[in-house]
N, C-alpha and C. Protein backbone atom coordinates (compact mmCIF):
# COMPACT_ATOMS: atom_id res chain seq x y z
N MET A 1 77.76 -24.39 -66.24
CA MET A 1 77.04 -23.76 -66.10
C MET A 1 75.67 -24.79 -64.90
N SER A 2 75.91 -24.13 -63.60
CA SER A 2 74.99 -24.81 -62.65
C SER A 2 73.83 -24.47 -62.60
N LYS A 3 72.64 -25.54 -62.49
CA LYS A 3 70.98 -24.83 -62.40
C LYS A 3 70.80 -24.54 -61.06
N GLY A 4 71.94 -25.30 -60.00
CA GLY A 4 71.14 -25.13 -58.71
C GLY A 4 70.59 -25.86 -58.27
N SER A 5 69.31 -25.70 -57.62
CA SER A 5 68.54 -26.53 -57.17
C SER A 5 66.95 -26.05 -57.74
N ALA A 6 67.27 -25.63 -59.08
CA ALA A 6 65.63 -25.26 -59.87
C ALA A 6 65.56 -26.71 -60.37
N LEU A 7 64.17 -26.87 -60.55
CA LEU A 7 63.38 -27.67 -60.73
C LEU A 7 63.16 -27.65 -62.33
N PRO A 8 63.33 -28.92 -63.16
CA PRO A 8 63.16 -28.68 -64.61
C PRO A 8 61.60 -28.40 -64.63
N VAL A 9 61.07 -27.77 -65.57
CA VAL A 9 59.78 -27.09 -66.00
C VAL A 9 58.52 -28.44 -65.88
N GLU A 10 59.09 -29.70 -66.65
CA GLU A 10 58.46 -30.58 -66.86
C GLU A 10 57.87 -30.89 -65.36
N THR A 11 58.49 -31.04 -64.46
CA THR A 11 58.58 -31.31 -63.45
C THR A 11 57.12 -30.75 -62.15
N ILE A 12 57.82 -28.88 -62.37
CA ILE A 12 56.63 -28.10 -61.69
C ILE A 12 55.40 -28.28 -62.52
N ALA A 13 55.63 -28.60 -63.70
CA ALA A 13 53.73 -28.52 -64.99
C ALA A 13 53.24 -29.82 -64.19
N MET A 14 54.01 -30.86 -63.77
CA MET A 14 53.49 -32.22 -63.10
C MET A 14 53.18 -32.21 -61.82
N ILE A 15 53.72 -31.03 -60.98
CA ILE A 15 53.48 -30.91 -59.80
C ILE A 15 51.81 -29.91 -59.84
N ILE A 16 51.87 -29.46 -60.75
CA ILE A 16 50.51 -28.03 -60.85
C ILE A 16 49.45 -29.04 -61.62
N LEU A 17 49.74 -29.74 -62.26
CA LEU A 17 48.71 -30.63 -62.66
C LEU A 17 48.14 -31.56 -61.42
N ILE A 18 48.81 -32.32 -61.01
CA ILE A 18 48.60 -33.10 -59.83
C ILE A 18 47.74 -32.34 -59.04
N LEU A 19 48.11 -31.00 -58.39
CA LEU A 19 47.23 -30.21 -57.33
C LEU A 19 45.88 -29.67 -57.98
N LEU A 20 46.07 -29.42 -59.45
CA LEU A 20 44.96 -28.78 -60.05
C LEU A 20 43.68 -30.41 -59.84
N VAL A 21 44.43 -31.32 -60.34
CA VAL A 21 43.05 -32.82 -60.39
C VAL A 21 42.79 -33.21 -58.55
N LEU A 22 44.06 -32.94 -57.73
CA LEU A 22 43.55 -33.04 -56.63
C LEU A 22 42.06 -32.05 -55.76
N VAL A 23 42.23 -30.69 -56.45
CA VAL A 23 41.59 -29.65 -56.39
C VAL A 23 39.92 -30.23 -56.49
N ILE A 24 40.18 -30.65 -58.07
CA ILE A 24 38.85 -30.48 -58.76
C ILE A 24 38.14 -32.09 -58.37
N LEU A 25 39.23 -32.72 -57.85
CA LEU A 25 38.16 -34.18 -57.10
C LEU A 25 37.72 -33.42 -55.75
N ALA A 26 38.34 -33.03 -55.06
CA ALA A 26 37.68 -32.35 -53.40
C ALA A 26 36.51 -31.54 -53.84
N ILE A 27 36.60 -30.78 -54.85
CA ILE A 27 35.36 -30.18 -54.73
C ILE A 27 34.31 -30.69 -55.92
N ALA A 28 34.65 -31.82 -56.16
CA ALA A 28 33.18 -32.81 -56.83
C ALA A 28 33.05 -33.53 -56.04
N PHE A 29 33.39 -33.94 -54.67
CA PHE A 29 33.44 -35.22 -53.90
C PHE A 29 33.33 -34.10 -52.43
N ARG A 30 32.97 -32.96 -52.57
CA ARG A 30 33.16 -32.27 -51.14
C ARG A 30 31.58 -32.66 -50.10
N GLU A 31 30.88 -32.98 -50.38
CA GLU A 31 29.45 -33.36 -49.82
C GLU A 31 29.80 -34.72 -49.24
N GLN A 32 30.63 -35.98 -49.98
CA GLN A 32 31.25 -36.91 -49.53
C GLN A 32 32.15 -36.93 -48.45
N ILE A 33 33.15 -36.34 -48.59
CA ILE A 33 34.29 -35.90 -47.89
C ILE A 33 33.97 -35.30 -46.60
N ALA A 34 32.83 -34.26 -46.62
CA ALA A 34 32.33 -34.06 -45.42
C ALA A 34 31.62 -34.57 -44.56
N GLY A 35 30.85 -35.77 -44.95
CA GLY A 35 29.83 -37.00 -44.61
C GLY A 35 31.24 -37.81 -44.10
N LEU A 36 32.20 -38.04 -44.81
CA LEU A 36 33.21 -39.11 -44.25
C LEU A 36 34.06 -38.51 -42.77
N PHE A 37 33.95 -37.35 -42.95
CA PHE A 37 34.98 -36.57 -41.57
C PHE A 37 33.84 -36.01 -40.72
N GLY A 38 32.22 -36.22 -40.90
CA GLY A 38 31.19 -35.79 -39.73
C GLY A 38 30.90 -37.14 -39.22
N SER A 39 31.13 -37.94 -40.03
CA SER A 39 31.14 -39.68 -39.30
C SER A 39 32.10 -39.92 -38.38
N PHE A 40 33.32 -39.62 -38.85
CA PHE A 40 34.56 -39.88 -38.16
C PHE A 40 34.54 -39.15 -36.91
N GLY A 41 34.19 -37.76 -36.59
CA GLY A 41 34.43 -37.05 -35.53
C GLY A 41 32.96 -37.53 -34.75
N GLY A 42 31.81 -37.97 -35.31
CA GLY A 42 30.74 -38.74 -33.80
C GLY A 42 31.60 -39.82 -34.45
N LEU A 43 32.62 -40.39 -34.45
CA LEU A 43 33.16 -41.86 -33.85
C LEU A 43 33.87 -41.44 -32.76
N VAL A 44 34.46 -40.56 -32.97
CA VAL A 44 35.99 -40.04 -32.34
C VAL A 44 35.27 -39.84 -30.89
N SER A 45 33.98 -38.83 -31.03
CA SER A 45 32.78 -38.31 -29.87
C SER A 45 32.39 -39.40 -28.67
N GLN A 46 31.85 -40.67 -29.61
CA GLN A 46 31.40 -41.76 -29.22
C GLN A 46 32.02 -42.40 -28.58
N THR A 47 33.44 -42.33 -28.78
CA THR A 47 34.39 -43.52 -28.33
C THR A 47 34.59 -42.48 -26.86
N GLY A 48 35.22 -41.22 -26.87
CA GLY A 48 35.22 -40.32 -25.84
C GLY A 48 34.50 -40.65 -24.61
N GLU A 49 32.93 -40.61 -25.21
CA GLU A 49 32.04 -41.01 -24.10
C GLU A 49 31.73 -42.09 -23.32
N SER A 50 32.36 -43.24 -24.11
CA SER A 50 32.22 -44.74 -24.04
C SER A 50 33.95 -44.64 -23.07
N ALA A 51 34.57 -43.89 -22.75
CA ALA A 51 35.72 -44.03 -22.10
C ALA A 51 35.44 -43.34 -20.75
N ASN A 52 34.96 -42.26 -20.87
CA ASN A 52 34.46 -41.57 -19.89
C ASN A 52 32.79 -42.05 -18.97
N THR A 53 32.27 -43.02 -19.46
CA THR A 53 31.31 -43.85 -18.99
C THR A 53 32.14 -44.97 -18.05
N ILE A 54 33.22 -45.37 -18.98
CA ILE A 54 33.85 -46.84 -18.06
C ILE A 54 34.55 -46.01 -16.96
N ASN A 55 35.28 -44.92 -16.86
CA ASN A 55 36.24 -44.57 -15.89
C ASN A 55 34.72 -44.02 -15.03
N ILE A 56 33.71 -43.46 -15.07
CA ILE A 56 32.84 -43.01 -14.14
C ILE A 56 31.98 -44.23 -13.15
N ASP A 57 31.84 -44.96 -14.19
CA ASP A 57 31.31 -46.74 -13.85
C ASP A 57 32.34 -47.46 -12.81
N SER A 58 33.90 -47.12 -12.93
CA SER A 58 34.70 -47.76 -12.12
C SER A 58 34.85 -47.13 -10.89
N LEU A 59 34.82 -45.69 -11.05
CA LEU A 59 34.89 -45.01 -9.72
C LEU A 59 33.73 -45.14 -8.60
N GLY A 60 32.66 -45.57 -8.97
CA GLY A 60 31.45 -45.53 -8.56
C GLY A 60 31.52 -46.93 -7.49
C-alpha cells in the first residue's frame, strides 16, 4: 500500500489552522499593517528623491 505524495490529515489540518490564524491576525491588525506599509512606501520614495537630488547637484 503506497500513499504516494499524499500528506497526512493532521498535517493538512495544521496548515489550514495556521492559515486561518494568519488571516484572522491580518484582519485584526489591518490598520497597523497598512500604516506600516504606508510609512515604508514613504521612506522608499524619500530615499529616491534624495538620490535624485544628489545626482542633480553633482551634475550642476
